[in-house]
């Protein structure tokens, strides 16, 4: 499809290629270790608090909150003057529905087994 798209000077658009990563076994091992690293809950809280502190001076601030049932973070944008939540990413209602569905599916599977 990209070869059929033309730009104003009538040259075909070339697809973007990414440079190949090193095939060195040591670098591959390091990449695997970094991909498998999971920070602790305390480390995550410290990083999130640091981001919240960094973003505090603006009139609209971004707040990172923890969803207890899913054990995932979501973002809320809050107006400092009215304390109104402007936007949630992803929406908390969606996360609540997802948590309820996974709990329901878990109950169904537990009862059938």
Protein backbone atom coordinates (compact mmCIF):
# COMPACT_ATOMS: atom_id res chain seq x y z
CA UNK A 1 0.00 0.00 0.00
CA UNK A 2 2.85 2.41 0.79
CA UNK A 3 4.34 1.95 -2.67
CA UNK A 4 1.09 3.30 -4.20
CA UNK A 5 1.05 6.51 -2.15
CA UNK A 6 2.69 9.42 -3.88
CA UNK A 7 3.89 12.74 -2.53
CA UNK A 8 3.75 16.09 -4.30
CA UNK A 9 6.99 15.54 -6.26
CA UNK A 10 5.61 12.22 -7.63
CA UNK A 11 8.09 9.98 -5.86
CA UNK A 12 6.83 6.86 -4.08
CA UNK A 13 6.90 6.90 -0.29
CA UNK A 14 9.44 4.48 1.15
CA UNK A 15 8.58 2.43 4.24
CA UNK A 16 10.47 3.24 7.42
CA UNK A 17 13.06 0.67 8.41
CA UNK A 18 14.49 0.36 11.89
CA UNK A 19 18.20 -0.20 12.38
CA UNK A 20 19.08 -3.73 13.44
CA UNK A 21 20.15 -4.21 17.02
CA UNK A 22 23.46 -5.74 17.82
CA UNK A 23 23.51 -9.53 17.64
CA UNK A 24 26.18 -9.64 20.38
CA UNK A 25 25.26 -12.35 22.95
CA UNK A 26 26.21 -10.10 25.88
CA UNK A 27 23.93 -7.28 24.71
CA UNK A 28 21.09 -9.75 24.10
CA UNK A 29 21.49 -11.09 27.64
CA UNK A 30 21.44 -7.55 29.06
CA UNK A 31 18.31 -6.74 27.03
CA UNK A 32 16.57 -9.87 28.33
CA UNK A 33 17.47 -9.00 31.92
CA UNK A 34 16.11 -5.46 31.51
CA UNK A 35 12.91 -6.80 29.92
CA UNK A 36 12.38 -9.21 32.83
CA UNK A 37 13.09 -6.63 35.58
CA UNK A 38 9.99 -5.76 37.55
CA UNK A 39 10.35 -2.86 39.99
CA UNK A 40 8.97 -3.34 43.49
CA UNK A 41 5.80 -1.62 44.62
CA UNK A 42 7.83 0.76 46.81
CA UNK A 43 10.10 1.72 43.88
CA UNK A 44 7.03 2.41 41.73
CA UNK A 45 5.42 4.53 44.45
CA UNK A 46 8.64 6.54 44.79
CA UNK A 47 8.89 7.16 41.03
CA UNK A 48 5.20 8.07 40.76
CA UNK A 49 5.46 10.48 43.71
CA UNK A 50 8.48 12.09 42.06
CA UNK A 51 6.53 12.58 38.81
CA UNK A 52 3.57 14.00 40.76
CA UNK A 53 5.90 16.43 42.59
CA UNK A 54 7.52 17.47 39.29
CA UNK A 55 4.18 18.24 37.66
CA UNK A 56 2.66 20.01 40.70
CA UNK A 57 3.41 23.72 39.81
CA UNK A 58 1.13 23.89 36.72
CA UNK A 59 -2.57 24.92 36.96
CA UNK A 60 -3.63 21.57 35.57
CA UNK A 61 -1.69 18.71 37.02
CA UNK A 62 -1.34 15.09 36.11
CA UNK A 63 -1.77 12.63 38.92
CA UNK A 64 -0.80 8.98 38.79
CA UNK A 65 -3.15 6.78 40.79
CA UNK A 66 -3.08 3.09 41.63
CA UNK A 67 -6.09 0.87 40.87
CA UNK A 68 -6.14 -1.59 43.77
CA UNK A 69 -8.14 -4.39 42.14
CA UNK A 70 -6.08 -4.51 38.93
CA UNK A 71 -2.80 -3.43 40.52
CA UNK A 72 -2.20 -1.02 37.62
CA UNK A 73 -1.61 2.71 37.45
CA UNK A 74 -3.85 5.17 35.62
CA UNK A 75 -3.51 8.90 34.98
CA UNK A 76 -5.88 11.65 36.05
CA UNK A 77 -5.70 15.27 34.90
CA UNK A 78 -6.99 17.58 37.65
CA UNK A 79 -7.75 21.32 37.58
CA UNK A 80 -5.97 22.86 40.58
CA UNK A 81 -8.50 25.65 41.11
CA UNK A 82 -11.68 23.55 41.09
CA UNK A 83 -10.15 20.13 41.94
CA UNK A 84 -12.28 18.77 39.09
CA UNK A 85 -10.99 15.70 37.27
CA UNK A 86 -10.67 16.76 33.63
CA UNK A 87 -9.65 13.42 32.17
CA UNK A 88 -8.66 9.93 33.25
CA UNK A 89 -6.39 7.76 31.08
CA UNK A 90 -7.67 5.06 30.84
CA UNK A 91 -11.05 5.94 32.35
CA UNK A 92 -11.49 4.57 35.88
CA UNK A 93 -14.96 3.28 34.97
CA UNK A 94 -13.41 1.18 32.23
CA UNK A 95 -10.84 -0.21 34.68
CA UNK A 96 -13.62 -0.97 37.19
CA UNK A 97 -15.61 -2.81 34.49
CA UNK A 98 -12.52 -4.77 33.46
CA UNK A 99 -11.85 -5.73 37.10
CA UNK A 100 -15.46 -6.84 37.54
CA UNK A 101 -15.34 -8.92 34.33
CA UNK A 102 -12.09 -10.64 35.31
CA UNK A 103 -13.50 -11.37 38.77
CA UNK A 104 -16.68 -12.78 37.21
CA UNK A 105 -14.72 -14.92 34.75
CA UNK A 106 -12.54 -16.14 37.59
CA UNK A 107 -15.63 -17.21 39.55
CA UNK A 108 -17.07 -19.00 36.49
CA UNK A 109 -13.83 -20.88 35.84
CA UNK A 110 -13.42 -21.77 39.54
CA UNK A 111 -16.97 -23.17 39.72
CA UNK A 112 -16.64 -25.27 36.54
CA UNK A 113 -13.33 -26.82 37.60
